[in-house]
N, C-alpha and C. Protein backbone atom coordinates (compact mmCIF):
# COMPACT_ATOMS: atom_id res chain seq x y z
N MET A 1 104.52 241.63 37.10
CA MET A 1 104.91 241.14 38.24
C MET A 1 106.46 240.52 37.84
N GLY A 2 107.40 240.72 38.76
CA GLY A 2 108.84 240.28 38.43
C GLY A 2 109.10 238.84 38.84
N ASN A 3 110.24 238.49 38.47
CA ASN A 3 110.59 236.94 38.87
C ASN A 3 110.78 236.89 40.33
N ILE A 4 110.31 235.86 41.02
CA ILE A 4 110.47 235.52 42.33
C ILE A 4 111.46 234.49 42.59
N LEU A 5 112.49 234.67 43.20
CA LEU A 5 113.72 233.65 43.40
C LEU A 5 113.30 232.86 44.65
N ASP A 6 113.63 231.50 44.47
CA ASP A 6 113.37 230.75 45.59
C ASP A 6 114.77 230.58 46.38
N PHE A 7 114.89 231.25 47.40
CA PHE A 7 116.09 231.31 48.11
C PHE A 7 116.26 230.02 49.04
N SER A 8 115.28 229.34 49.33
CA SER A 8 115.34 228.11 50.17
C SER A 8 116.17 227.08 49.56
N ASN A 9 116.16 226.93 48.18
CA ASN A 9 116.94 225.84 47.55
C ASN A 9 118.46 226.22 47.65
N LYS A 10 118.72 227.57 47.63
CA LYS A 10 120.12 228.08 47.73
C LYS A 10 120.66 227.42 49.23
N VAL A 11 119.93 227.50 50.22
CA VAL A 11 120.34 227.12 51.53
C VAL A 11 120.81 225.61 51.37
N TYR A 12 119.91 224.89 50.76
CA TYR A 12 120.22 223.43 50.64
C TYR A 12 121.46 223.12 49.95
N THR A 13 121.61 223.77 48.63
CA THR A 13 122.72 223.53 47.81
C THR A 13 124.02 224.09 48.34
N LYS A 14 124.04 225.12 49.05
CA LYS A 14 125.15 225.64 49.71
C LYS A 14 125.68 224.68 50.82
N GLU A 15 124.71 224.13 51.56
CA GLU A 15 125.00 223.07 52.72
C GLU A 15 125.60 221.80 51.87
N LEU A 16 124.99 221.43 50.75
CA LEU A 16 125.57 220.21 50.15
C LEU A 16 126.90 220.39 49.66
N ASP A 17 127.08 221.62 49.01
CA ASP A 17 128.40 221.82 48.54
C ASP A 17 129.56 221.78 49.61
N LYS A 18 129.07 222.52 50.73
CA LYS A 18 130.06 222.31 51.78
C LYS A 18 130.33 220.98 52.36
N ARG A 19 129.30 220.14 52.38
CA ARG A 19 129.36 218.75 52.94
C ARG A 19 130.22 217.77 51.78
N CYS A 20 129.96 218.13 50.52
CA CYS A 20 130.70 217.51 49.54
C CYS A 20 132.15 217.60 49.66
N ILE A 21 132.64 218.80 49.89
CA ILE A 21 134.15 219.14 50.12
C ILE A 21 134.64 218.46 51.36
N GLU A 22 133.82 218.48 52.43
CA GLU A 22 134.25 217.74 53.69
C GLU A 22 134.35 216.25 53.53
N LEU A 23 133.43 215.79 52.90
CA LEU A 23 133.34 214.27 52.49
C LEU A 23 134.53 213.96 51.63
N GLN A 24 134.89 214.72 50.64
CA GLN A 24 135.99 214.31 49.64
C GLN A 24 137.31 214.43 50.43
N GLU A 25 137.37 215.30 51.32
CA GLU A 25 138.72 215.46 52.11
C GLU A 25 138.74 214.23 52.95
N MET A 26 137.79 213.75 53.53
CA MET A 26 137.87 212.56 54.44
C MET A 26 138.15 211.20 53.55
N TYR A 27 137.42 211.10 52.35
CA TYR A 27 137.58 210.04 51.43
C TYR A 27 139.07 210.01 51.06
N ASP A 28 139.70 211.40 50.72
CA ASP A 28 141.12 211.34 50.28
C ASP A 28 142.03 210.84 51.39
N ALA A 29 141.72 211.15 52.62
CA ALA A 29 142.48 210.74 53.87
C ALA A 29 142.37 209.30 53.92
N ILE A 30 141.23 208.72 53.80
CA ILE A 30 141.07 207.18 53.97
C ILE A 30 141.92 206.44 52.93
N LYS A 31 141.85 207.03 51.70
CA LYS A 31 142.46 206.59 50.50
C LYS A 31 144.09 206.51 50.84
N LEU A 32 144.61 207.58 51.34
CA LEU A 32 145.90 207.72 51.66
C LEU A 32 146.37 206.75 52.87
N CYS A 33 145.56 206.49 53.74
CA CYS A 33 145.72 205.48 54.68
C CYS A 33 145.80 204.11 54.09
N TYR A 34 144.89 203.69 53.32
CA TYR A 34 144.96 202.48 52.61
C TYR A 34 146.21 202.32 51.86
N SER A 35 146.64 203.23 51.15
CA SER A 35 147.78 203.10 50.24
C SER A 35 149.08 203.05 51.18
N THR A 36 148.98 203.67 52.31
CA THR A 36 150.12 203.58 53.25
C THR A 36 150.18 202.11 53.84
N ILE A 37 149.01 201.57 54.29
CA ILE A 37 149.03 200.26 54.79
C ILE A 37 149.53 199.22 53.78
N GLU A 38 149.06 199.42 52.46
CA GLU A 38 149.53 198.64 51.46
C GLU A 38 150.97 198.63 51.30
N ALA A 39 151.55 199.84 51.23
CA ALA A 39 153.10 200.00 51.22
C ALA A 39 153.84 199.22 52.24
N LEU A 40 153.21 199.43 53.61
CA LEU A 40 153.84 198.75 54.59
C LEU A 40 153.67 197.35 54.58
N GLU A 41 152.58 196.78 54.08
CA GLU A 41 152.49 195.39 53.86
C GLU A 41 153.32 194.68 53.00
N GLU A 42 153.75 195.42 51.92
CA GLU A 42 154.64 194.96 50.94
C GLU A 42 156.09 194.97 51.50
N LYS A 43 156.39 195.91 52.29
CA LYS A 43 157.67 196.07 52.92
C LYS A 43 157.89 194.86 54.12
N LEU A 44 156.65 194.73 54.57
CA LEU A 44 156.61 193.54 55.64
C LEU A 44 156.72 192.36 55.29
N LEU A 45 156.30 191.91 54.05
CA LEU A 45 156.26 190.47 53.57
C LEU A 45 157.56 189.89 53.58
N PRO A 46 158.72 190.30 53.00
CA PRO A 46 159.92 189.78 53.06
C PRO A 46 160.51 189.62 54.42
N GLU A 47 160.15 190.55 55.34
CA GLU A 47 160.60 190.54 56.67
C GLU A 47 159.94 189.19 57.38
N GLU A 48 158.73 189.18 57.20
CA GLU A 48 157.94 188.15 57.86
C GLU A 48 158.57 186.72 57.25
N GLN A 49 158.74 186.50 55.95
CA GLN A 49 159.35 185.43 55.41
C GLN A 49 160.64 185.07 56.04
N GLU A 50 161.58 185.98 56.15
CA GLU A 50 162.75 185.89 56.85
C GLU A 50 162.67 185.31 58.27
N TYR A 51 161.95 186.02 59.05
CA TYR A 51 161.56 185.68 60.37
C TYR A 51 161.13 184.17 60.40
N ASP A 52 160.25 183.77 59.63
CA ASP A 52 159.74 182.48 59.59
C ASP A 52 160.68 181.41 59.34
N ARG A 53 161.63 181.73 58.39
CA ARG A 53 162.84 180.89 58.01
C ARG A 53 163.58 180.79 59.32
N THR A 54 164.14 181.76 59.99
CA THR A 54 164.81 181.80 61.14
C THR A 54 164.07 180.95 62.32
N PHE A 55 162.72 181.24 62.34
CA PHE A 55 161.99 180.39 63.40
C PHE A 55 161.94 178.96 63.07
N ALA A 56 161.86 178.66 61.85
CA ALA A 56 161.75 177.28 61.53
C ALA A 56 163.14 176.54 61.85
N LYS A 57 164.23 177.26 61.70
CA LYS A 57 165.46 176.73 62.12
C LYS A 57 165.67 176.48 63.48
N TYR A 58 165.23 177.40 64.31
CA TYR A 58 165.14 177.32 65.72
C TYR A 58 164.35 176.30 66.34
N VAL A 59 163.15 176.17 65.68
CA VAL A 59 162.19 175.14 66.13
C VAL A 59 162.90 173.60 65.84
N HIS A 60 163.56 173.53 64.68
CA HIS A 60 164.18 172.40 64.41
C HIS A 60 165.24 172.12 65.36
N LYS A 61 165.95 173.01 65.96
CA LYS A 61 166.99 172.71 66.84
C LYS A 61 166.47 172.55 68.29
N VAL A 62 165.50 173.26 68.72
CA VAL A 62 164.99 173.10 70.13
C VAL A 62 163.65 172.33 70.37
N GLY A 63 163.02 172.25 69.31
CA GLY A 63 161.47 171.66 69.30
C GLY A 63 160.61 172.70 69.85
N ILE A 64 159.36 172.65 69.30
CA ILE A 64 158.42 173.78 69.49
C ILE A 64 157.96 173.98 70.90
N GLU A 65 158.08 172.89 71.76
CA GLU A 65 157.76 173.00 73.05
C GLU A 65 158.72 173.99 73.86
N ALA A 66 160.05 174.18 73.36
CA ALA A 66 160.94 174.95 74.06
C ALA A 66 160.99 176.41 73.66
N VAL A 67 160.19 176.60 72.64
CA VAL A 67 160.24 177.99 72.17
C VAL A 67 159.34 178.91 72.99
N GLU A 68 159.90 180.16 73.29
CA GLU A 68 159.30 181.12 74.18
C GLU A 68 158.09 181.68 73.27
N ILE A 69 157.04 182.12 74.02
CA ILE A 69 155.89 182.56 73.50
C ILE A 69 156.11 183.95 72.76
N LYS A 70 156.97 184.76 73.19
CA LYS A 70 157.39 186.00 72.47
C LYS A 70 157.77 185.62 71.08
N TYR A 71 158.33 184.47 70.71
CA TYR A 71 158.76 184.23 69.35
C TYR A 71 157.57 183.75 68.49
N ILE A 72 156.72 182.99 69.15
CA ILE A 72 155.58 182.57 68.45
C ILE A 72 154.73 183.62 68.00
N GLU A 73 154.52 184.67 68.73
CA GLU A 73 153.78 185.75 68.50
C GLU A 73 153.76 186.22 67.09
N PHE A 74 155.09 186.31 66.57
CA PHE A 74 155.42 187.10 65.40
C PHE A 74 155.43 186.00 64.18
N VAL A 75 155.24 184.83 64.23
CA VAL A 75 155.33 183.84 63.19
C VAL A 75 153.97 184.08 62.29
N SER A 76 154.32 184.14 61.06
CA SER A 76 153.12 184.35 60.05
C SER A 76 152.75 183.08 59.57
N SER A 77 153.44 181.87 59.80
CA SER A 77 153.00 180.69 59.30
C SER A 77 152.00 179.96 60.40
N ASP A 78 151.56 178.66 60.05
CA ASP A 78 150.65 178.31 60.89
C ASP A 78 151.31 177.31 62.11
N ILE A 79 150.48 177.45 63.29
CA ILE A 79 150.82 176.62 64.35
C ILE A 79 149.62 175.89 64.80
N ALA A 80 149.69 174.56 64.96
CA ALA A 80 148.60 173.80 65.29
C ALA A 80 148.76 173.31 66.61
N VAL A 81 147.55 173.46 67.41
CA VAL A 81 147.50 173.02 68.91
C VAL A 81 146.39 172.06 69.08
N ASN A 82 146.61 170.84 69.37
CA ASN A 82 145.62 169.85 69.81
C ASN A 82 145.20 170.20 71.05
N VAL A 83 143.93 170.47 71.16
CA VAL A 83 143.32 171.06 72.41
C VAL A 83 143.04 169.84 73.36
N GLU A 84 142.99 168.69 72.89
CA GLU A 84 142.75 167.29 73.77
C GLU A 84 144.06 167.04 74.35
N THR A 85 145.22 166.99 73.64
CA THR A 85 146.35 166.46 74.26
C THR A 85 147.27 167.78 74.55
N GLY A 86 146.97 168.91 74.10
CA GLY A 86 148.09 169.90 74.37
C GLY A 86 149.17 170.01 73.38
N GLU A 87 149.25 169.13 72.34
CA GLU A 87 150.38 168.99 71.60
C GLU A 87 150.61 170.13 70.60
N ILE A 88 151.64 170.65 70.35
CA ILE A 88 151.76 171.93 69.48
C ILE A 88 152.70 171.41 68.41
N LYS A 89 152.29 171.86 67.27
CA LYS A 89 153.05 171.58 66.07
C LYS A 89 153.23 172.81 65.17
N TYR A 90 154.53 173.05 64.63
CA TYR A 90 154.73 174.32 63.88
C TYR A 90 154.54 173.64 62.46
N LEU A 91 153.59 174.22 61.62
CA LEU A 91 153.27 173.75 60.32
C LEU A 91 154.05 174.50 59.28
N GLY A 92 154.76 175.54 59.61
CA GLY A 92 155.51 176.25 58.42
C GLY A 92 154.62 176.91 57.47
N PRO A 93 155.31 177.65 56.35
CA PRO A 93 154.54 178.29 55.46
C PRO A 93 153.74 177.50 54.45
N ASP A 94 154.04 176.26 54.24
CA ASP A 94 153.27 175.47 53.30
C ASP A 94 152.09 174.77 54.04
N GLY A 95 152.03 174.95 55.24
CA GLY A 95 150.75 174.28 56.02
C GLY A 95 151.09 172.71 56.32
N GLU A 96 152.32 172.35 56.13
CA GLU A 96 152.81 170.93 56.39
C GLU A 96 153.66 170.93 57.63
N GLU A 97 153.53 169.94 58.46
CA GLU A 97 154.25 169.77 59.69
C GLU A 97 155.74 170.00 59.29
N ASN A 98 156.55 170.71 60.05
CA ASN A 98 157.91 171.15 59.82
C ASN A 98 158.85 170.16 60.45
N ASP A 99 158.90 169.00 60.00
CA ASP A 99 159.94 168.01 60.62
C ASP A 99 161.22 167.94 59.87
N THR A 100 161.34 168.47 58.85
CA THR A 100 162.45 168.26 57.80
C THR A 100 163.58 169.26 58.31
N GLU A 101 164.70 168.91 57.93
CA GLU A 101 165.91 169.66 58.21
C GLU A 101 165.84 170.86 57.48
N VAL A 102 166.20 172.06 58.29
CA VAL A 102 166.07 173.30 57.57
C VAL A 102 167.44 173.95 57.33
């Protein structure tokens, strides 16, 4: 009697090989997305720091209560709100209240 080949395993391995290729393509795409995000974050950091410096100068001139919401939206430093009194404070990048001359 001759050798009997088990073709049922071939069906599974062929499917697995196909899925491995598809998964690797998706993993590579995810890796590219992460590296792109990382590069954008590195580019964004100095821009945020400059925005915060300009914002701090503006807050010092007009007071936090006079600052438009659209400017607060982009601040990367901390802003504290006392929910009981409604008082708003700009804490700046060091987390300390920003009352000093800028």
